[in-house]
Amino acid sequence: MSNPATESLRVLSFWRDLEVFNIPTAPSKRDATEQTKITTLRRGARLPWQRADFAPTETHGYVHVVYLGVADMEDLSRLLLKALF
């Protein structure tokens, strides 16, 4: 017979493992809209909030989201499967 604390730990462990392997996909240029601009930063490039075209105005402000360590999910999956099998 299993103990409730052990079962709870097993469920939490499962959810943790699921989150580790469920890496969110960063948006790409094709996800851009009139209100959402997607840019890929390269070494030495100015950050978007340092550029004049993203300067806040009286009517508009900007929210910037930065994705670090972005990699292609297919490449990550392939590497993981290669390591496991």
N, C-alpha and C. Protein backbone atom coordinates (compact mmCIF):
# COMPACT_ATOMS: atom_id res chain seq x y z
N MET A 1 0.84 -1.18 0.00
CA MET A 1 0.00 0.00 0.00
C MET A 1 0.90 1.25 0.00
N SER A 2 0.57 2.19 -0.88
CA SER A 2 1.41 3.40 -0.96
C SER A 2 0.96 4.45 0.03
N ASN A 3 1.91 5.25 0.41
CA ASN A 3 1.62 6.30 1.37
C ASN A 3 1.31 7.59 0.61
N PRO A 4 0.35 8.40 1.09
CA PRO A 4 -0.06 9.62 0.38
C PRO A 4 1.10 10.60 0.13
N ALA A 5 2.03 10.68 1.06
CA ALA A 5 3.16 11.60 0.89
C ALA A 5 4.03 11.14 -0.28
N THR A 6 4.26 9.83 -0.38
CA THR A 6 5.06 9.28 -1.47
C THR A 6 4.37 9.53 -2.81
N GLU A 7 3.07 9.32 -2.86
CA GLU A 7 2.31 9.55 -4.09
C GLU A 7 2.38 11.01 -4.50
N SER A 8 2.28 11.92 -3.54
CA SER A 8 2.37 13.36 -3.84
C SER A 8 3.74 13.70 -4.40
N LEU A 9 4.79 13.14 -3.83
CA LEU A 9 6.15 13.39 -4.32
C LEU A 9 6.33 12.84 -5.73
N ARG A 10 5.72 11.71 -6.02
CA ARG A 10 5.81 11.13 -7.36
C ARG A 10 5.12 12.04 -8.39
N VAL A 11 3.96 12.57 -8.02
CA VAL A 11 3.24 13.48 -8.92
C VAL A 11 4.05 14.75 -9.15
N LEU A 12 4.59 15.33 -8.07
CA LEU A 12 5.40 16.54 -8.21
C LEU A 12 6.65 16.28 -9.05
N SER A 13 7.27 15.13 -8.87
CA SER A 13 8.45 14.77 -9.65
C SER A 13 8.09 14.65 -11.13
N PHE A 14 6.94 14.04 -11.41
CA PHE A 14 6.48 13.92 -12.80
C PHE A 14 6.29 15.29 -13.43
N TRP A 15 5.62 16.20 -12.73
CA TRP A 15 5.37 17.54 -13.27
C TRP A 15 6.67 18.31 -13.48
N ARG A 16 7.62 18.14 -12.57
CA ARG A 16 8.91 18.80 -12.73
C ARG A 16 9.60 18.30 -13.99
N ASP A 17 9.63 16.98 -14.17
CA ASP A 17 10.25 16.40 -15.36
C ASP A 17 9.55 16.88 -16.63
N LEU A 18 8.25 16.97 -16.60
CA LEU A 18 7.49 17.43 -17.75
C LEU A 18 7.87 18.87 -18.10
N GLU A 19 7.99 19.73 -17.10
CA GLU A 19 8.36 21.12 -17.34
C GLU A 19 9.79 21.25 -17.87
N VAL A 20 10.68 20.42 -17.38
CA VAL A 20 12.07 20.46 -17.84
C VAL A 20 12.15 20.15 -19.33
N PHE A 21 11.37 19.18 -19.79
CA PHE A 21 11.43 18.77 -21.19
C PHE A 21 10.42 19.48 -22.08
N ASN A 22 9.62 20.36 -21.52
CA ASN A 22 8.65 21.12 -22.31
C ASN A 22 9.16 22.56 -22.44
N ILE A 23 10.20 22.73 -23.23
CA ILE A 23 10.83 24.03 -23.40
C ILE A 23 9.94 24.88 -24.29
N PRO A 24 9.56 26.08 -23.82
CA PRO A 24 8.68 26.92 -24.65
C PRO A 24 9.41 27.39 -25.91
N THR A 25 8.65 27.54 -26.97
CA THR A 25 9.19 28.00 -28.23
C THR A 25 9.18 29.52 -28.27
N ALA A 26 10.30 30.10 -28.59
CA ALA A 26 10.37 31.56 -28.75
C ALA A 26 9.70 31.93 -30.07
N PRO A 27 9.09 33.10 -30.12
CA PRO A 27 8.45 33.52 -31.38
C PRO A 27 9.50 33.76 -32.47
N SER A 28 9.08 33.61 -33.71
CA SER A 28 9.97 33.88 -34.84
C SER A 28 9.43 35.08 -35.61
N LYS A 29 10.16 35.50 -36.63
CA LYS A 29 9.74 36.66 -37.43
C LYS A 29 8.35 36.47 -38.01
N ARG A 30 7.97 35.24 -38.33
CA ARG A 30 6.64 35.02 -38.92
C ARG A 30 5.52 35.25 -37.91
N ASP A 31 5.85 35.31 -36.61
CA ASP A 31 4.86 35.60 -35.57
C ASP A 31 4.65 37.10 -35.37
N ALA A 32 5.42 37.92 -36.07
CA ALA A 32 5.33 39.37 -35.91
C ALA A 32 3.99 39.88 -36.45
N THR A 33 3.49 40.92 -35.80
CA THR A 33 2.27 41.59 -36.24
C THR A 33 2.55 43.09 -36.25
N GLU A 34 1.52 43.87 -36.56
CA GLU A 34 1.69 45.32 -36.53
C GLU A 34 2.04 45.80 -35.13
N GLN A 35 1.51 45.12 -34.11
CA GLN A 35 1.77 45.50 -32.73
C GLN A 35 2.94 44.77 -32.09
N THR A 36 3.37 43.68 -32.68
CA THR A 36 4.44 42.87 -32.12
C THR A 36 5.60 42.79 -33.09
N LYS A 37 6.74 43.28 -32.69
CA LYS A 37 7.95 43.23 -33.52
C LYS A 37 8.87 42.16 -32.96
N ILE A 38 9.39 41.33 -33.82
CA ILE A 38 10.31 40.26 -33.43
C ILE A 38 11.67 40.55 -34.05
N THR A 39 12.70 40.62 -33.23
CA THR A 39 14.04 40.83 -33.74
C THR A 39 14.99 39.81 -33.13
N THR A 40 16.01 39.46 -33.88
CA THR A 40 17.05 38.58 -33.38
C THR A 40 18.28 39.44 -33.13
N LEU A 41 18.74 39.42 -31.91
CA LEU A 41 19.90 40.23 -31.55
C LEU A 41 21.19 39.49 -31.90
N ARG A 42 22.12 40.22 -32.43
CA ARG A 42 23.44 39.67 -32.73
C ARG A 42 24.46 40.41 -31.88
N ARG A 43 25.59 39.79 -31.66
CA ARG A 43 26.65 40.38 -30.85
C ARG A 43 26.98 41.78 -31.38
N GLY A 44 27.00 42.75 -30.48
CA GLY A 44 27.34 44.12 -30.83
C GLY A 44 26.16 44.96 -31.29
N ALA A 45 25.00 44.34 -31.53
CA ALA A 45 23.82 45.09 -31.98
C ALA A 45 23.24 45.88 -30.81
N ARG A 46 22.62 47.01 -31.12
CA ARG A 46 21.97 47.81 -30.09
C ARG A 46 20.71 47.09 -29.63
N LEU A 47 20.44 47.17 -28.36
CA LEU A 47 19.22 46.58 -27.82
C LEU A 47 18.02 47.41 -28.28
N PRO A 48 16.86 46.78 -28.48
CA PRO A 48 15.70 47.52 -29.00
C PRO A 48 15.35 48.76 -28.18
N TRP A 49 15.45 48.69 -26.87
CA TRP A 49 15.08 49.84 -26.04
C TRP A 49 16.11 50.96 -26.10
N GLN A 50 17.23 50.72 -26.79
CA GLN A 50 18.23 51.76 -26.99
C GLN A 50 18.06 52.46 -28.34
N ARG A 51 17.15 51.97 -29.16
CA ARG A 51 16.94 52.52 -30.50
C ARG A 51 15.85 53.58 -30.49
N ALA A 52 16.02 54.59 -31.34
CA ALA A 52 15.07 55.71 -31.41
C ALA A 52 13.68 55.27 -31.85
N ASP A 53 13.58 54.25 -32.73
CA ASP A 53 12.26 53.83 -33.20
C ASP A 53 11.44 53.13 -32.12
N PHE A 54 12.04 52.82 -30.99
CA PHE A 54 11.30 52.23 -29.87
C PHE A 54 11.23 53.18 -28.68
N ALA A 55 11.51 54.44 -28.90
CA ALA A 55 11.41 55.42 -27.81
C ALA A 55 9.94 55.63 -27.47
N PRO A 56 9.58 55.65 -26.19
CA PRO A 56 8.18 55.88 -25.81
C PRO A 56 7.70 57.25 -26.28
N THR A 57 6.43 57.31 -26.60
CA THR A 57 5.82 58.58 -26.99
C THR A 57 4.72 58.90 -25.97
N GLU A 58 4.01 59.99 -26.21
CA GLU A 58 2.92 60.35 -25.29
C GLU A 58 1.79 59.33 -25.34
N THR A 59 1.63 58.65 -26.47
CA THR A 59 0.52 57.71 -26.64
C THR A 59 0.94 56.24 -26.64
N HIS A 60 2.23 55.97 -26.82
CA HIS A 60 2.69 54.57 -26.92
C HIS A 60 3.89 54.31 -26.02
N GLY A 61 3.89 53.14 -25.46
CA GLY A 61 5.04 52.64 -24.71
C GLY A 61 5.37 51.27 -25.26
N TYR A 62 6.45 50.69 -24.83
CA TYR A 62 6.86 49.39 -25.33
C TYR A 62 7.18 48.45 -24.17
N VAL A 63 6.87 47.19 -24.38
CA VAL A 63 7.24 46.13 -23.45
C VAL A 63 8.20 45.23 -24.23
N HIS A 64 9.37 44.99 -23.68
CA HIS A 64 10.37 44.17 -24.35
C HIS A 64 10.49 42.83 -23.61
N VAL A 65 10.51 41.75 -24.38
CA VAL A 65 10.69 40.40 -23.84
C VAL A 65 11.96 39.85 -24.47
N VAL A 66 12.87 39.35 -23.63
CA VAL A 66 14.13 38.81 -24.12
C VAL A 66 14.16 37.31 -23.85
N TYR A 67 14.42 36.52 -24.88
CA TYR A 67 14.56 35.07 -24.76
C TYR A 67 16.05 34.76 -24.83
N LEU A 68 16.56 34.12 -23.80
CA LEU A 68 17.98 33.76 -23.76
C LEU A 68 18.13 32.27 -24.06
N GLY A 69 19.21 31.93 -24.71
CA GLY A 69 19.50 30.52 -24.97
C GLY A 69 18.50 29.86 -25.89
N VAL A 70 18.00 30.59 -26.87
CA VAL A 70 16.99 30.04 -27.78
C VAL A 70 17.65 29.03 -28.71
N ALA A 71 17.02 27.88 -28.82
CA ALA A 71 17.52 26.83 -29.73
C ALA A 71 16.32 26.20 -30.42
N ASP A 72 16.54 25.61 -31.56
CA ASP A 72 15.49 24.96 -32.31
C ASP A 72 15.04 23.68 -31.58
N MET A 73 13.73 23.55 -31.39
CA MET A 73 13.20 22.39 -30.66
C MET A 73 13.53 21.07 -31.34
N GLU A 74 13.51 21.04 -32.67
CA GLU A 74 13.85 19.80 -33.38
C GLU A 74 15.29 19.40 -33.10
N ASP A 75 16.20 20.37 -33.10
CA ASP A 75 17.60 20.09 -32.80
C ASP A 75 17.76 19.56 -31.38
N LEU A 76 17.07 20.20 -30.42
CA LEU A 76 17.15 19.75 -29.03
C LEU A 76 16.59 18.33 -28.88
N SER A 77 15.46 18.08 -29.52
CA SER A 77 14.85 16.74 -29.44
C SER A 77 15.79 15.68 -30.04
N ARG A 78 16.37 16.01 -31.20
CA ARG A 78 17.29 15.08 -31.86
C ARG A 78 18.50 14.78 -30.96
N LEU A 79 19.07 15.81 -30.35
CA LEU A 79 20.21 15.62 -29.45
C LEU A 79 19.84 14.75 -28.25
N LEU A 80 18.66 15.00 -27.69
CA LEU A 80 18.21 14.24 -26.53
C LEU A 80 18.00 12.78 -26.90
N LEU A 81 17.33 12.53 -28.02
CA LEU A 81 17.09 11.14 -28.45
C LEU A 81 18.41 10.42 -28.77
N LYS A 82 19.34 11.14 -29.38
CA LYS A 82 20.64 10.55 -29.69
C LYS A 82 21.38 10.17 -28.42
N ALA A 83 21.28 11.01 -27.39
CA ALA A 83 21.96 10.73 -26.12
C ALA A 83 21.31 9.55 -25.38
N LEU A 84 20.00 9.39 -25.53
CA LEU A 84 19.30 8.35 -24.78
C LEU A 84 19.32 7.00 -25.48
N PHE A 85 19.40 6.99 -26.79
CA PHE A 85 19.29 5.71 -27.52
C PHE A 85 20.49 5.41 -28.34
